[in-house]
């Protein structure tokens, strides 16, 4: 069967191979995007909890203190802690 011009840009389900390198990278990108969306939703929940008094944003600075990065950039401890939270949500 010779593929037509209309079929040249499509990927059929039988052609997708998740064991190939491109399949692995594609699955990783989809996983990272999903993790970022989930972490963004959790951020909204934490901001609401902060407004209601149930969470302190400064808690992100404790993560930075635990790994010793607060000595490098003490003024940005909360920001670095949030970025670690975001990165962890995307990877795990």
C-alpha atoms as a PDB file:
ATOM      1  CA  UNK A   1       0.000   0.000   0.000  1.00  0.00           C
ATOM      2  CA  UNK A   2       1.472   3.329  -1.051  1.00  0.00           C
ATOM      3  CA  UNK A   3       0.726   6.209   1.348  1.00  0.00           C
ATOM      4  CA  UNK A   4      -1.051   9.177  -0.172  1.00  0.00           C
ATOM      5  CA  UNK A   5      -0.176  12.815   0.452  1.00  0.00           C
ATOM      6  CA  UNK A   6      -3.040  13.128   2.936  1.00  0.00           C
ATOM      7  CA  UNK A   7      -1.658  10.252   5.030  1.00  0.00           C
ATOM      8  CA  UNK A   8       1.947  11.439   5.123  1.00  0.00           C
ATOM      9  CA  UNK A   9       1.514  13.714   8.164  1.00  0.00           C
ATOM     10  CA  UNK A  10      -0.562  11.398  10.332  1.00  0.00           C
ATOM     11  CA  UNK A  11       0.638   8.902  12.904  1.00  0.00           C
ATOM     12  CA  UNK A  12      -1.506   5.830  13.239  1.00  0.00           C
ATOM     13  CA  UNK A  13      -1.853   4.096  16.574  1.00  0.00           C
ATOM     14  CA  UNK A  14      -0.220   0.961  15.192  1.00  0.00           C
ATOM     15  CA  UNK A  15       2.855   2.984  14.128  1.00  0.00           C
ATOM     16  CA  UNK A  16       3.422   4.610  17.550  1.00  0.00           C
ATOM     17  CA  UNK A  17       6.174   2.809  19.423  1.00  0.00           C
ATOM     18  CA  UNK A  18       6.725   3.906  23.007  1.00  0.00           C
ATOM     19  CA  UNK A  19       9.939   1.854  23.170  1.00  0.00           C
ATOM     20  CA  UNK A  20      11.717   3.974  20.577  1.00  0.00           C
ATOM     21  CA  UNK A  21      13.764   7.001  21.595  1.00  0.00           C
ATOM     22  CA  UNK A  22      11.254   9.448  20.148  1.00  0.00           C
ATOM     23  CA  UNK A  23       8.438   7.654  21.957  1.00  0.00           C
ATOM     24  CA  UNK A  24      10.307   7.840  25.253  1.00  0.00           C
ATOM     25  CA  UNK A  25      11.043  11.560  24.814  1.00  0.00           C
ATOM     26  CA  UNK A  26       7.442  12.235  23.765  1.00  0.00           C
ATOM     27  CA  UNK A  27       6.108  10.397  26.811  1.00  0.00           C
ATOM     28  CA  UNK A  28       8.501  12.343  29.046  1.00  0.00           C
ATOM     29  CA  UNK A  29       7.374  15.676  27.635  1.00  0.00           C
ATOM     30  CA  UNK A  30       3.723  14.755  28.124  1.00  0.00           C
ATOM     31  CA  UNK A  31       4.497  13.688  31.696  1.00  0.00           C
ATOM     32  CA  UNK A  32       6.313  16.944  32.447  1.00  0.00           C
ATOM     33  CA  UNK A  33       3.431  19.007  31.058  1.00  0.00           C
ATOM     34  CA  UNK A  34       0.952  17.010  33.130  1.00  0.00           C
ATOM     35  CA  UNK A  35       3.082  17.504  36.233  1.00  0.00           C
ATOM     36  CA  UNK A  36       3.264  21.247  35.621  1.00  0.00           C
ATOM     37  CA  UNK A  37      -0.522  21.457  35.274  1.00  0.00           C
ATOM     38  CA  UNK A  38      -1.018  19.494  38.484  1.00  0.00           C
ATOM     39  CA  UNK A  39       1.503  21.611  40.340  1.00  0.00           C
ATOM     40  CA  UNK A  40      -0.174  24.788  39.058  1.00  0.00           C
ATOM     41  CA  UNK A  41      -3.500  23.525  40.408  1.00  0.00           C
ATOM     42  CA  UNK A  42      -1.833  22.771  43.737  1.00  0.00           C
ATOM     43  CA  UNK A  43      -0.375  26.289  43.757  1.00  0.00           C
ATOM     44  CA  UNK A  44      -3.864  27.761  43.490  1.00  0.00           C
ATOM     45  CA  UNK A  45      -5.004  25.577  46.380  1.00  0.00           C
ATOM     46  CA  UNK A  46      -2.010  26.676  48.473  1.00  0.00           C
ATOM     47  CA  UNK A  47      -2.719  30.349  47.703  1.00  0.00           C
ATOM     48  CA  UNK A  48      -6.311  29.905  48.876  1.00  0.00           C
ATOM     49  CA  UNK A  49      -5.032  28.147  51.998  1.00  0.00           C
ATOM     50  CA  UNK A  50      -2.640  31.064  52.586  1.00  0.00           C
ATOM     51  CA  UNK A  51      -5.540  33.497  52.365  1.00  0.00           C
ATOM     52  CA  UNK A  52      -7.514  31.436  54.879  1.00  0.00           C
ATOM     53  CA  UNK A  53      -4.511  31.112  57.199  1.00  0.00           C
ATOM     54  CA  UNK A  54      -3.909  27.416  56.686  1.00  0.00           C
ATOM     55  CA  UNK A  55      -0.556  27.651  54.883  1.00  0.00           C
ATOM     56  CA  UNK A  56       2.437  29.958  55.053  1.00  0.00           C
ATOM     57  CA  UNK A  57       4.294  30.731  51.822  1.00  0.00           C
ATOM     58  CA  UNK A  58       7.493  30.996  53.865  1.00  0.00           C
ATOM     59  CA  UNK A  59       7.339  27.206  54.230  1.00  0.00           C
ATOM     60  CA  UNK A  60       8.974  26.962  50.810  1.00  0.00           C
ATOM     61  CA  UNK A  61      12.049  28.600  52.354  1.00  0.00           C
ATOM     62  CA  UNK A  62      12.406  25.622  54.699  1.00  0.00           C
ATOM     63  CA  UNK A  63      13.142  23.387  51.705  1.00  0.00           C
ATOM     64  CA  UNK A  64      15.977  25.709  50.711  1.00  0.00           C
ATOM     65  CA  UNK A  65      17.317  25.740  54.276  1.00  0.00           C
ATOM     66  CA  UNK A  66      17.347  21.930  54.345  1.00  0.00           C
ATOM     67  CA  UNK A  67      19.552  21.652  51.274  1.00  0.00           C
ATOM     68  CA  UNK A  68      21.762  24.629  52.151  1.00  0.00           C
ATOM     69  CA  UNK A  69      20.888  26.983  49.286  1.00  0.00           C
ATOM     70  CA  UNK A  70      19.792  29.740  51.640  1.00  0.00           C
ATOM     71  CA  UNK A  71      23.461  30.654  52.110  1.00  0.00           C
ATOM     72  CA  UNK A  72      23.785  31.357  48.383  1.00  0.00           C
ATOM     73  CA  UNK A  73      20.715  33.545  47.917  1.00  0.00           C
ATOM     74  CA  UNK A  74      18.972  34.290  51.236  1.00  0.00           C
ATOM     75  CA  UNK A  75      16.715  36.983  49.742  1.00  0.00           C
ATOM     76  CA  UNK A  76      15.281  34.509  47.217  1.00  0.00           C
ATOM     77  CA  UNK A  77      14.776  31.526  49.525  1.00  0.00           C
ATOM     78  CA  UNK A  78      10.996  31.415  49.044  1.00  0.00           C
ATOM     79  CA  UNK A  79      11.316  31.721  45.256  1.00  0.00           C
ATOM     80  CA  UNK A  80      13.958  29.003  45.063  1.00  0.00           C
ATOM     81  CA  UNK A  81      11.838  26.797  47.319  1.00  0.00           C
ATOM     82  CA  UNK A  82       8.817  27.255  45.078  1.00  0.00           C
ATOM     83  CA  UNK A  83      10.898  26.437  41.982  1.00  0.00           C
ATOM     84  CA  UNK A  84      12.072  23.239  43.694  1.00  0.00           C
ATOM     85  CA  UNK A  85       8.422  22.446  44.483  1.00  0.00           C
ATOM     86  CA  UNK A  86       7.490  23.065  40.855  1.00  0.00           C
ATOM     87  CA  UNK A  87      10.400  20.994  39.526  1.00  0.00           C
ATOM     88  CA  UNK A  88       9.595  18.146  41.898  1.00  0.00           C
ATOM     89  CA  UNK A  89       5.984  18.180  40.791  1.00  0.00           C
ATOM     90  CA  UNK A  90       7.024  17.947  37.154  1.00  0.00           C
ATOM     91  CA  UNK A  91       9.529  15.138  37.642  1.00  0.00           C
ATOM     92  CA  UNK A  92       7.921  12.858  40.200  1.00  0.00           C
END
